[in-house]
Amino acid sequence: MENKYEITYIIRPDLDDAAKTALVERFDKILTDDGAKLIDSKDWSKRRLAYEIKGYNEGLYHVINLTSDNADAINEFDRLAKFSDGILRHMIVVRNDKK
């Protein structure tokens, strides 16, 4: 059964455009390489953080909506995002969209 997921992550605000684009492409590829199907992957906005994270008071929010029939892609994203210098925080939510 295919589950819908939403991943929100906060990118360091001091990354230049090329580095930010490379980071987003890398993490999108991590998901698709493990069989996830991306619905969309887009920047949300630069926002002030409620509290300082790793010395930053603001960050660029990025949101991915995807489907996957197994958790491999999600688990790999979660594992690598924890070690990424460019990602301050991330959150993965299983969507249960009722029609």
PDB file of N, CA and C in Angstrom:
ATOM      1  N   MET A   1       0.835  -1.190   0.000  1.00  0.00           N
ATOM      2  CA  MET A   1       0.000   0.000   0.000  1.00  0.00           C
ATOM      3  C   MET A   1       0.881   1.255   0.000  1.00  0.00           C
ATOM      4  N   GLU A   2       0.498   2.204  -0.806  1.00  0.00           N
ATOM      5  CA  GLU A   2       1.274   3.434  -0.909  1.00  0.00           C
ATOM      6  C   GLU A   2       0.829   4.443   0.143  1.00  0.00           C
ATOM      7  N   ASN A   3       1.785   4.952   0.890  1.00  0.00           N
ATOM      8  CA  ASN A   3       1.504   5.989   1.880  1.00  0.00           C
ATOM      9  C   ASN A   3       1.908   7.346   1.331  1.00  0.00           C
ATOM     10  N   LYS A   4       1.180   8.380   1.770  1.00  0.00           N
ATOM     11  CA  LYS A   4       1.546   9.750   1.427  1.00  0.00           C
ATOM     12  C   LYS A   4       2.328  10.336   2.594  1.00  0.00           C
ATOM     13  N   TYR A   5       3.372  11.065   2.254  1.00  0.00           N
ATOM     14  CA  TYR A   5       4.213  11.701   3.265  1.00  0.00           C
ATOM     15  C   TYR A   5       4.398  13.169   2.937  1.00  0.00           C
ATOM     16  N   GLU A   6       4.639  13.950   3.974  1.00  0.00           N
ATOM     17  CA  GLU A   6       5.057  15.337   3.804  1.00  0.00           C
ATOM     18  C   GLU A   6       6.321  15.507   4.633  1.00  0.00           C
ATOM     19  N   ILE A   7       7.364  15.998   3.991  1.00  0.00           N
ATOM     20  CA  ILE A   7       8.626  16.268   4.684  1.00  0.00           C
ATOM     21  C   ILE A   7       8.855  17.772   4.637  1.00  0.00           C
ATOM     22  N   THR A   8       9.074  18.351   5.790  1.00  0.00           N
ATOM     23  CA  THR A   8       9.435  19.764   5.873  1.00  0.00           C
ATOM     24  C   THR A   8      10.830  19.828   6.482  1.00  0.00           C
ATOM     25  N   TYR A   9      11.705  20.582   5.824  1.00  0.00           N
ATOM     26  CA  TYR A   9      13.021  20.768   6.425  1.00  0.00           C
ATOM     27  C   TYR A   9      13.455  22.210   6.310  1.00  0.00           C
ATOM     28  N   ILE A  10      14.319  22.606   7.252  1.00  0.00           N
ATOM     29  CA  ILE A  10      14.789  23.985   7.332  1.00  0.00           C
ATOM     30  C   ILE A  10      16.249  24.016   6.887  1.00  0.00           C
ATOM     31  N   ILE A  11      16.506  24.808   5.850  1.00  0.00           N
ATOM     32  CA  ILE A  11      17.840  24.938   5.274  1.00  0.00           C
ATOM     33  C   ILE A  11      18.529  26.162   5.882  1.00  0.00           C
ATOM     34  N   ARG A  12      19.829  26.026   6.144  1.00  0.00           N
ATOM     35  CA  ARG A  12      20.615  27.157   6.658  1.00  0.00           C
ATOM     36  C   ARG A  12      20.421  28.376   5.754  1.00  0.00           C
ATOM     37  N   PRO A  13      20.191  29.549   6.336  1.00  0.00           N
ATOM     38  CA  PRO A  13      19.938  30.744   5.524  1.00  0.00           C
ATOM     39  C   PRO A  13      21.182  31.302   4.832  1.00  0.00           C
ATOM     40  N   ASP A  14      22.386  30.893   5.256  1.00  0.00           N
ATOM     41  CA  ASP A  14      23.600  31.466   4.673  1.00  0.00           C
ATOM     42  C   ASP A  14      24.151  30.643   3.507  1.00  0.00           C
ATOM     43  N   LEU A  15      23.438  29.608   3.075  1.00  0.00           N
ATOM     44  CA  LEU A  15      23.882  28.874   1.883  1.00  0.00           C
ATOM     45  C   LEU A  15      23.617  29.723   0.644  1.00  0.00           C
ATOM     46  N   ASP A  16      24.558  29.730  -0.298  1.00  0.00           N
ATOM     47  CA  ASP A  16      24.290  30.458  -1.541  1.00  0.00           C
ATOM     48  C   ASP A  16      23.309  29.647  -2.390  1.00  0.00           C
ATOM     49  N   ASP A  17      22.779  30.281  -3.434  1.00  0.00           N
ATOM     50  CA  ASP A  17      21.739  29.635  -4.259  1.00  0.00           C
ATOM     51  C   ASP A  17      22.189  28.308  -4.846  1.00  0.00           C
ATOM     52  N   ALA A  18      23.434  28.250  -5.323  1.00  0.00           N
ATOM     53  CA  ALA A  18      23.934  27.013  -5.934  1.00  0.00           C
ATOM     54  C   ALA A  18      24.009  25.885  -4.908  1.00  0.00           C
ATOM     55  N   ALA A  19      24.483  26.192  -3.716  1.00  0.00           N
ATOM     56  CA  ALA A  19      24.599  25.180  -2.656  1.00  0.00           C
ATOM     57  C   ALA A  19      23.213  24.722  -2.198  1.00  0.00           C
ATOM     58  N   LYS A  20      22.284  25.657  -2.100  1.00  0.00           N
ATOM     59  CA  LYS A  20      20.916  25.318  -1.697  1.00  0.00           C
ATOM     60  C   LYS A  20      20.266  24.422  -2.738  1.00  0.00           C
ATOM     61  N   THR A  21      20.413  24.784  -4.014  1.00  0.00           N
ATOM     62  CA  THR A  21      19.855  23.981  -5.103  1.00  0.00           C
ATOM     63  C   THR A  21      20.453  22.578  -5.093  1.00  0.00           C
ATOM     64  N   ALA A  22      21.753  22.481  -4.897  1.00  0.00           N
ATOM     65  CA  ALA A  22      22.427  21.178  -4.855  1.00  0.00           C
ATOM     66  C   ALA A  22      21.914  20.341  -3.685  1.00  0.00           C
ATOM     67  N   LEU A  23      21.700  20.967  -2.539  1.00  0.00           N
ATOM     68  CA  LEU A  23      21.198  20.256  -1.367  1.00  0.00           C
ATOM     69  C   LEU A  23      19.789  19.718  -1.626  1.00  0.00           C
ATOM     70  N   VAL A  24      18.916  20.557  -2.174  1.00  0.00           N
ATOM     71  CA  VAL A  24      17.535  20.131  -2.468  1.00  0.00           C
ATOM     72  C   VAL A  24      17.542  18.989  -3.482  1.00  0.00           C
ATOM     73  N   GLU A  25      18.339  19.120  -4.541  1.00  0.00           N
ATOM     74  CA  GLU A  25      18.411  18.070  -5.563  1.00  0.00           C
ATOM     75  C   GLU A  25      18.949  16.772  -4.970  1.00  0.00           C
ATOM     76  N   ARG A  26      19.942  16.875  -4.093  1.00  0.00           N
ATOM     77  CA  ARG A  26      20.521  15.676  -3.463  1.00  0.00           C
ATOM     78  C   ARG A  26      19.474  14.931  -2.633  1.00  0.00           C
ATOM     79  N   PHE A  27      18.715  15.685  -1.826  1.00  0.00           N
ATOM     80  CA  PHE A  27      17.726  15.027  -0.963  1.00  0.00           C
ATOM     81  C   PHE A  27      16.506  14.550  -1.744  1.00  0.00           C
ATOM     82  N   ASP A  28      16.137  15.242  -2.823  1.00  0.00           N
ATOM     83  CA  ASP A  28      15.077  14.723  -3.701  1.00  0.00           C
ATOM     84  C   ASP A  28      15.522  13.397  -4.313  1.00  0.00           C
ATOM     85  N   LYS A  29      16.788  13.331  -4.732  1.00  0.00           N
ATOM     86  CA  LYS A  29      17.330  12.120  -5.363  1.00  0.00           C
ATOM     87  C   LYS A  29      17.418  10.960  -4.377  1.00  0.00           C
ATOM     88  N   ILE A  30      17.747  11.249  -3.121  1.00  0.00           N
ATOM     89  CA  ILE A  30      17.778  10.203  -2.088  1.00  0.00           C
ATOM     90  C   ILE A  30      16.407   9.528  -2.015  1.00  0.00           C
ATOM     91  N   LEU A  31      15.361  10.334  -2.070  1.00  0.00           N
ATOM     92  CA  LEU A  31      14.003   9.787  -2.000  1.00  0.00           C
ATOM     93  C   LEU A  31      13.653   8.968  -3.241  1.00  0.00           C
ATOM     94  N   THR A  32      13.918   9.519  -4.431  1.00  0.00           N
ATOM     95  CA  THR A  32      13.537   8.821  -5.662  1.00  0.00           C
ATOM     96  C   THR A  32      14.389   7.584  -5.909  1.00  0.00           C
ATOM     97  N   ASP A  33      15.649   7.605  -5.472  1.00  0.00           N
ATOM     98  CA  ASP A  33      16.514   6.429  -5.640  1.00  0.00           C
ATOM     99  C   ASP A  33      15.998   5.221  -4.863  1.00  0.00           C
ATOM    100  N   ASP A  34      15.283   5.484  -3.761  1.00  0.00           N
ATOM    101  CA  ASP A  34      14.736   4.391  -2.958  1.00  0.00           C
ATOM    102  C   ASP A  34      13.257   4.134  -3.267  1.00  0.00           C
ATOM    103  N   GLY A  35      12.792   4.622  -4.408  1.00  0.00           N
ATOM    104  CA  GLY A  35      11.455   4.252  -4.885  1.00  0.00           C
ATOM    105  C   GLY A  35      10.318   5.198  -4.572  1.00  0.00           C
ATOM    106  N   ALA A  36      10.585   6.305  -3.904  1.00  0.00           N
ATOM    107  CA  ALA A  36       9.510   7.259  -3.621  1.00  0.00           C
ATOM    108  C   ALA A  36       9.157   8.032  -4.891  1.00  0.00           C
ATOM    109  N   LYS A  37       7.898   8.447  -4.978  1.00  0.00           N
ATOM    110  CA  LYS A  37       7.441   9.271  -6.098  1.00  0.00           C
ATOM    111  C   LYS A  37       7.131  10.668  -5.557  1.00  0.00           C
ATOM    112  N   LEU A  38       7.888  11.665  -6.040  1.00  0.00           N
ATOM    113  CA  LEU A  38       7.680  13.038  -5.574  1.00  0.00           C
ATOM    114  C   LEU A  38       6.453  13.640  -6.246  1.00  0.00           C
ATOM    115  N   ILE A  39       5.572  14.210  -5.449  1.00  0.00           N
ATOM    116  CA  ILE A  39       4.427  14.956  -5.974  1.00  0.00           C
ATOM    117  C   ILE A  39       4.876  16.391  -6.221  1.00  0.00           C
ATOM    118  N   ASP A  40       5.535  16.970  -5.222  1.00  0.00           N
ATOM    119  CA  ASP A  40       6.166  18.276  -5.415  1.00  0.00           C
ATOM    120  C   ASP A  40       7.261  18.479  -4.385  1.00  0.00           C
ATOM    121  N   SER A  41       8.191  19.355  -4.724  1.00  0.00           N
ATOM    122  CA  SER A  41       9.304  19.701  -3.850  1.00  0.00           C
ATOM    123  C   SER A  41       9.545  21.189  -4.069  1.00  0.00           C
ATOM    124  N   LYS A  42       9.184  21.992  -3.069  1.00  0.00           N
ATOM    125  CA  LYS A  42       9.250  23.432  -3.305  1.00  0.00           C
ATOM    126  C   LYS A  42       9.648  24.203  -2.056  1.00  0.00           C
ATOM    127  N   ASP A  43      10.283  25.353  -2.301  1.00  0.00           N
ATOM    128  CA  ASP A  43      10.607  26.265  -1.211  1.00  0.00           C
ATOM    129  C   ASP A  43       9.308  26.858  -0.687  1.00  0.00           C
ATOM    130  N   TRP A  44       9.237  27.001   0.616  1.00  0.00           N
ATOM    131  CA  TRP A  44       8.057  27.597   1.218  1.00  0.00           C
ATOM    132  C   TRP A  44       8.344  29.068   1.462  1.00  0.00           C
ATOM    133  N   SER A  45       9.201  29.357   2.431  1.00  0.00           N
ATOM    134  CA  SER A  45       9.584  30.749   2.674  1.00  0.00           C
ATOM    135  C   SER A  45      10.739  30.794   3.665  1.00  0.00           C
ATOM    136  N   LYS A  46      11.383  31.941   3.711  1.00  0.00           N
ATOM    137  CA  LYS A  46      12.403  32.168   4.737  1.00  0.00           C
ATOM    138  C   LYS A  46      11.653  32.734   5.937  1.00  0.00           C
ATOM    139  N   ARG A  47      11.865  32.117   7.087  1.00  0.00           N
ATOM    140  CA  ARG A  47      11.114  32.516   8.272  1.00  0.00           C
ATOM    141  C   ARG A  47      12.037  32.640   9.474  1.00  0.00           C
ATOM    142  N   ARG A  48      11.621  33.481  10.374  1.00  0.00           N
ATOM    143  CA  ARG A  48      12.316  33.606  11.656  1.00  0.00           C
ATOM    144  C   ARG A  48      11.963  32.371  12.480  1.00  0.00           C
ATOM    145  N   LEU A  49      12.954  31.797  13.131  1.00  0.00           N
ATOM    146  CA  LEU A  49      12.733  30.610  13.952  1.00  0.00           C
ATOM    147  C   LEU A  49      12.242  31.004  15.346  1.00  0.00           C
ATOM    148  N   ALA A  50      11.470  30.155  15.956  1.00  0.00           N
ATOM    149  CA  ALA A  50      10.938  30.422  17.296  1.00  0.00           C
ATOM    150  C   ALA A  50      12.071  30.467  18.323  1.00  0.00           C
ATOM    151  N   TYR A  51      13.125  29.696  18.059  1.00  0.00           N
ATOM    152  CA  TYR A  51      14.299  29.686  18.926  1.00  0.00           C
ATOM    153  C   TYR A  51      15.525  29.412  18.064  1.00  0.00           C
ATOM    154  N   GLU A  52      16.673  29.772  18.581  1.00  0.00           N
ATOM    155  CA  GLU A  52      17.914  29.618  17.828  1.00  0.00           C
ATOM    156  C   GLU A  52      18.246  28.138  17.632  1.00  0.00           C
ATOM    157  N   ILE A  53      18.612  27.773  16.403  1.00  0.00           N
ATOM    158  CA  ILE A  53      19.042  26.409  16.098  1.00  0.00           C
ATOM    159  C   ILE A  53      20.426  26.490  15.475  1.00  0.00           C
ATOM    160  N   LYS A  54      21.406  25.859  16.113  1.00  0.00           N
ATOM    161  CA  LYS A  54      22.793  25.828  15.629  1.00  0.00           C
ATOM    162  C   LYS A  54      23.318  27.222  15.307  1.00  0.00           C
ATOM    163  N   GLY A  55      22.924  28.204  16.096  1.00  0.00           N
ATOM    164  CA  GLY A  55      23.408  29.567  15.921  1.00  0.00           C
ATOM    165  C   GLY A  55      22.615  30.403  14.934  1.00  0.00           C
ATOM    166  N   TYR A  56      21.539  29.870  14.369  1.00  0.00           N
ATOM    167  CA  TYR A  56      20.734  30.605  13.374  1.00  0.00           C
ATOM    168  C   TYR A  56      19.394  31.015  13.968  1.00  0.00           C
ATOM    169  N   ASN A  57      18.950  32.224  13.597  1.00  0.00           N
ATOM    170  CA  ASN A  57      17.660  32.734  14.048  1.00  0.00           C
ATOM    171  C   ASN A  57      16.596  32.656  12.957  1.00  0.00           C
ATOM    172  N   GLU A  58      17.000  32.310  11.728  1.00  0.00           N
ATOM    173  CA  GLU A  58      16.041  32.141  10.639  1.00  0.00           C
ATOM    174  C   GLU A  58      16.517  31.024   9.731  1.00  0.00           C
ATOM    175  N   GLY A  59      15.591  30.546   8.899  1.00  0.00           N
ATOM    176  CA  GLY A  59      15.936  29.470   7.987  1.00  0.00           C
ATOM    177  C   GLY A  59      14.970  29.433   6.818  1.00  0.00           C
ATOM    178  N   LEU A  60      15.371  28.755   5.765  1.00  0.00           N
ATOM    179  CA  LEU A  60      14.535  28.618   4.572  1.00  0.00           C
ATOM    180  C   LEU A  60      13.796  27.288   4.661  1.00  0.00           C
ATOM    181  N   TYR A  61      12.484  27.365   4.712  1.00  0.00           N
ATOM    182  CA  TYR A  61      11.668  26.152   4.806  1.00  0.00           C
ATOM    183  C   TYR A  61      11.458  25.563   3.407  1.00  0.00           C
ATOM    184  N   HIS A  62      11.593  24.247   3.311  1.00  0.00           N
ATOM    185  CA  HIS A  62      11.374  23.527   2.056  1.00  0.00           C
ATOM    186  C   HIS A  62      10.414  22.377   2.356  1.00  0.00           C
ATOM    187  N   VAL A  63       9.415  22.191   1.478  1.00  0.00           N
ATOM    188  CA  VAL A  63       8.393  21.173   1.700  1.00  0.00           C
ATOM    189  C   VAL A  63       8.367  20.200   0.528  1.00  0.00           C
ATOM    190  N   ILE A  64       8.320  18.896   0.851  1.00  0.00           N
ATOM    191  CA  ILE A  64       8.212  17.841  -0.158  1.00  0.00           C
ATOM    192  C   ILE A  64       6.965  17.024   0.150  1.00  0.00           C
ATOM    193  N   ASN A  65       6.132  16.804  -0.859  1.00  0.00           N
ATOM    194  CA  ASN A  65       5.025  15.869  -0.765  1.00  0.00           C
ATOM    195  C   ASN A  65       5.371  14.687  -1.644  1.00  0.00           C
ATOM    196  N   LEU A  66       5.169  13.471  -1.125  1.00  0.00           N
ATOM    197  CA  LEU A  66       5.558  12.283  -1.877  1.00  0.00           C
ATOM    198  C   LEU A  66       4.707  11.091  -1.492  1.00  0.00           C
ATOM    199  N   THR A  67       4.808  10.049  -2.312  1.00  0.00           N
ATOM    200  CA  THR A  67       4.201   8.767  -1.980  1.00  0.00           C
ATOM    201  C   THR A  67       5.286   7.709  -2.030  1.00  0.00           C
ATOM    202  N   SER A  68       5.115   6.675  -1.203  1.00  0.00           N
ATOM    203  CA  SER A  68       6.063   5.573  -1.198  1.00  0.00           C
ATOM    204  C   SER A  68       5.362   4.332  -0.665  1.00  0.00           C
ATOM    205  N   ASP A  69       5.690   3.181  -1.247  1.00  0.00           N
ATOM    206  CA  ASP A  69       5.053   1.946  -0.785  1.00  0.00           C
ATOM    207  C   ASP A  69       5.894   1.223   0.266  1.00  0.00           C
ATOM    208  N   ASN A  70       7.069   1.762   0.583  1.00  0.00           N
ATOM    209  CA  ASN A  70       7.846   1.229   1.707  1.00  0.00           C
ATOM    210  C   ASN A  70       8.577   2.377   2.379  1.00  0.00           C
ATOM    211  N   ALA A  71       9.117   2.113   3.548  1.00  0.00           N
ATOM    212  CA  ALA A  71       9.726   3.188   4.344  1.00  0.00           C
ATOM    213  C   ALA A  71      11.209   3.398   4.045  1.00  0.00           C
ATOM    214  N   ASP A  72      11.788   2.654   3.098  1.00  0.00           N
ATOM    215  CA  ASP A  72      13.228   2.766   2.837  1.00  0.00           C
ATOM    216  C   ASP A  72      13.646   4.196   2.498  1.00  0.00           C
ATOM    217  N   ALA A  73      12.904   4.835   1.591  1.00  0.00           N
ATOM    218  CA  ALA A  73      13.257   6.190   1.162  1.00  0.00           C
ATOM    219  C   ALA A  73      13.162   7.175   2.333  1.00  0.00           C
ATOM    220  N   ILE A  74      12.106   7.044   3.113  1.00  0.00           N
ATOM    221  CA  ILE A  74      11.894   7.936   4.256  1.00  0.00           C
ATOM    222  C   ILE A  74      12.996   7.730   5.298  1.00  0.00           C
ATOM    223  N   ASN A  75      13.311   6.486   5.583  1.00  0.00           N
ATOM    224  CA  ASN A  75      14.348   6.186   6.578  1.00  0.00           C
ATOM    225  C   ASN A  75      15.711   6.706   6.146  1.00  0.00           C
ATOM    226  N   GLU A  76      16.021   6.568   4.854  1.00  0.00           N
ATOM    227  CA  GLU A  76      17.313   7.050   4.351  1.00  0.00           C
ATOM    228  C   GLU A  76      17.370   8.578   4.393  1.00  0.00           C
ATOM    229  N   PHE A  77      16.276   9.245   4.011  1.00  0.00           N
ATOM    230  CA  PHE A  77      16.210  10.705   4.095  1.00  0.00           C
ATOM    231  C   PHE A  77      16.445  11.136   5.541  1.00  0.00           C
ATOM    232  N   ASP A  78      15.731  10.515   6.474  1.00  0.00           N
ATOM    233  CA  ASP A  78      15.830  10.853   7.892  1.00  0.00           C
ATOM    234  C   ASP A  78      17.263  10.685   8.385  1.00  0.00           C
ATOM    235  N   ARG A  79      17.875   9.576   8.041  1.00  0.00           N
ATOM    236  CA  ARG A  79      19.243   9.273   8.487  1.00  0.00           C
ATOM    237  C   ARG A  79      20.232  10.314   7.971  1.00  0.00           C
ATOM    238  N   LEU A  80      20.167  10.626   6.673  1.00  0.00           N
ATOM    239  CA  LEU A  80      21.128  11.556   6.076  1.00  0.00           C
ATOM    240  C   LEU A  80      20.859  13.010   6.456  1.00  0.00           C
ATOM    241  N   ALA A  81      19.600  13.367   6.659  1.00  0.00           N
ATOM    242  CA  ALA A  81      19.275  14.750   7.045  1.00  0.00           C
ATOM    243  C   ALA A  81      19.854  15.082   8.418  1.00  0.00           C
ATOM    244  N   LYS A  82      19.938  14.088   9.291  1.00  0.00           N
ATOM    245  CA  LYS A  82      20.497  14.312  10.629  1.00  0.00           C
ATOM    246  C   LYS A  82      21.972  14.698  10.572  1.00  0.00           C
ATOM    247  N   PHE A  83      22.678  14.253   9.529  1.00  0.00           N
ATOM    248  CA  PHE A  83      24.110  14.523   9.417  1.00  0.00           C
ATOM    249  C   PHE A  83      24.441  15.662   8.459  1.00  0.00           C
ATOM    250  N   SER A  84      23.437  16.209   7.792  1.00  0.00           N
ATOM    251  CA  SER A  84      23.681  17.257   6.804  1.00  0.00           C
ATOM    252  C   SER A  84      23.944  18.604   7.486  1.00  0.00           C
ATOM    253  N   ASP A  85      25.053  19.242   7.101  1.00  0.00           N
ATOM    254  CA  ASP A  85      25.357  20.574   7.636  1.00  0.00           C
ATOM    255  C   ASP A  85      24.344  21.617   7.159  1.00  0.00           C
ATOM    256  N   GLY A  86      23.750  21.390   5.986  1.00  0.00           N
ATOM    257  CA  GLY A  86      22.854  22.382   5.395  1.00  0.00           C
ATOM    258  C   GLY A  86      21.442  22.361   5.954  1.00  0.00           C
ATOM    259  N   ILE A  87      21.057  21.263   6.622  1.00  0.00           N
ATOM    260  CA  ILE A  87      19.698  21.141   7.155  1.00  0.00           C
ATOM    261  C   ILE A  87      19.738  21.336   8.671  1.00  0.00           C
ATOM    262  N   LEU A  88      18.992  22.350   9.128  1.00  0.00           N
ATOM    263  CA  LEU A  88      18.961  22.647  10.565  1.00  0.00           C
ATOM    264  C   LEU A  88      18.016  21.700  11.307  1.00  0.00           C
ATOM    265  N   ARG A  89      16.847  21.452  10.739  1.00  0.00           N
ATOM    266  CA  ARG A  89      15.839  20.565  11.325  1.00  0.00           C
ATOM    267  C   ARG A  89      15.005  19.970  10.193  1.00  0.00           C
ATOM    268  N   HIS A  90      14.411  18.812  10.468  1.00  0.00           N
ATOM    269  CA  HIS A  90      13.481  18.233   9.503  1.00  0.00           C
ATOM    270  C   HIS A  90      12.375  17.505  10.250  1.00  0.00           C
ATOM    271  N   MET A  91      11.241  17.374   9.574  1.00  0.00           N
ATOM    272  CA  MET A  91      10.094  16.696  10.158  1.00  0.00           C
ATOM    273  C   MET A  91       9.411  15.892   9.054  1.00  0.00           C
ATOM    274  N   ILE A  92       9.078  14.642   9.363  1.00  0.00           N
ATOM    275  CA  ILE A  92       8.420  13.760   8.401  1.00  0.00           C
ATOM    276  C   ILE A  92       7.050  13.406   8.963  1.00  0.00           C
ATOM    277  N   VAL A  93       6.007  13.619   8.154  1.00  0.00           N
ATOM    278  CA  VAL A  93       4.639  13.361   8.586  1.00  0.00           C
ATOM    279  C   VAL A  93       3.986  12.414   7.594  1.00  0.00           C
ATOM    280  N   VAL A  94       3.285  11.401   8.123  1.00  0.00           N
ATOM    281  CA  VAL A  94       2.480  10.529   7.258  1.00  0.00           C
ATOM    282  C   VAL A  94       1.143  11.225   7.064  1.00  0.00           C
ATOM    283  N   ARG A  95       0.770  11.440   5.797  1.00  0.00           N
ATOM    284  CA  ARG A  95      -0.488  12.108   5.480  1.00  0.00           C
ATOM    285  C   ARG A  95      -1.593  11.073   5.397  1.00  0.00           C
ATOM    286  N   ASN A  96      -2.700  11.363   6.009  1.00  0.00           N
ATOM    287  CA  ASN A  96      -3.862  10.488   5.942  1.00  0.00           C
ATOM    288  C   ASN A  96      -5.007  11.316   5.387  1.00  0.00           C
ATOM    289  N   ASP A  97      -4.892  11.653   4.102  1.00  0.00           N
ATOM    290  CA  ASP A  97      -5.884  12.520   3.464  1.00  0.00           C
ATOM    291  C   ASP A  97      -7.176  11.752   3.222  1.00  0.00           C
ATOM    292  N   LYS A  98      -8.226  12.136   3.914  1.00  0.00           N
ATOM    293  CA  LYS A  98      -9.546  11.532   3.695  1.00  0.00           C
ATOM    294  C   LYS A  98     -10.270  12.343   2.633  1.00  0.00           C
ATOM    295  N   LYS A  99     -10.913  11.643   1.714  1.00  0.00           N
ATOM    296  CA  LYS A  99     -11.625  12.362   0.649  1.00  0.00           C
ATOM    297  C   LYS A  99     -13.066  12.538   1.020  1.00  0.00           C
TER     298      LYS A  99
END
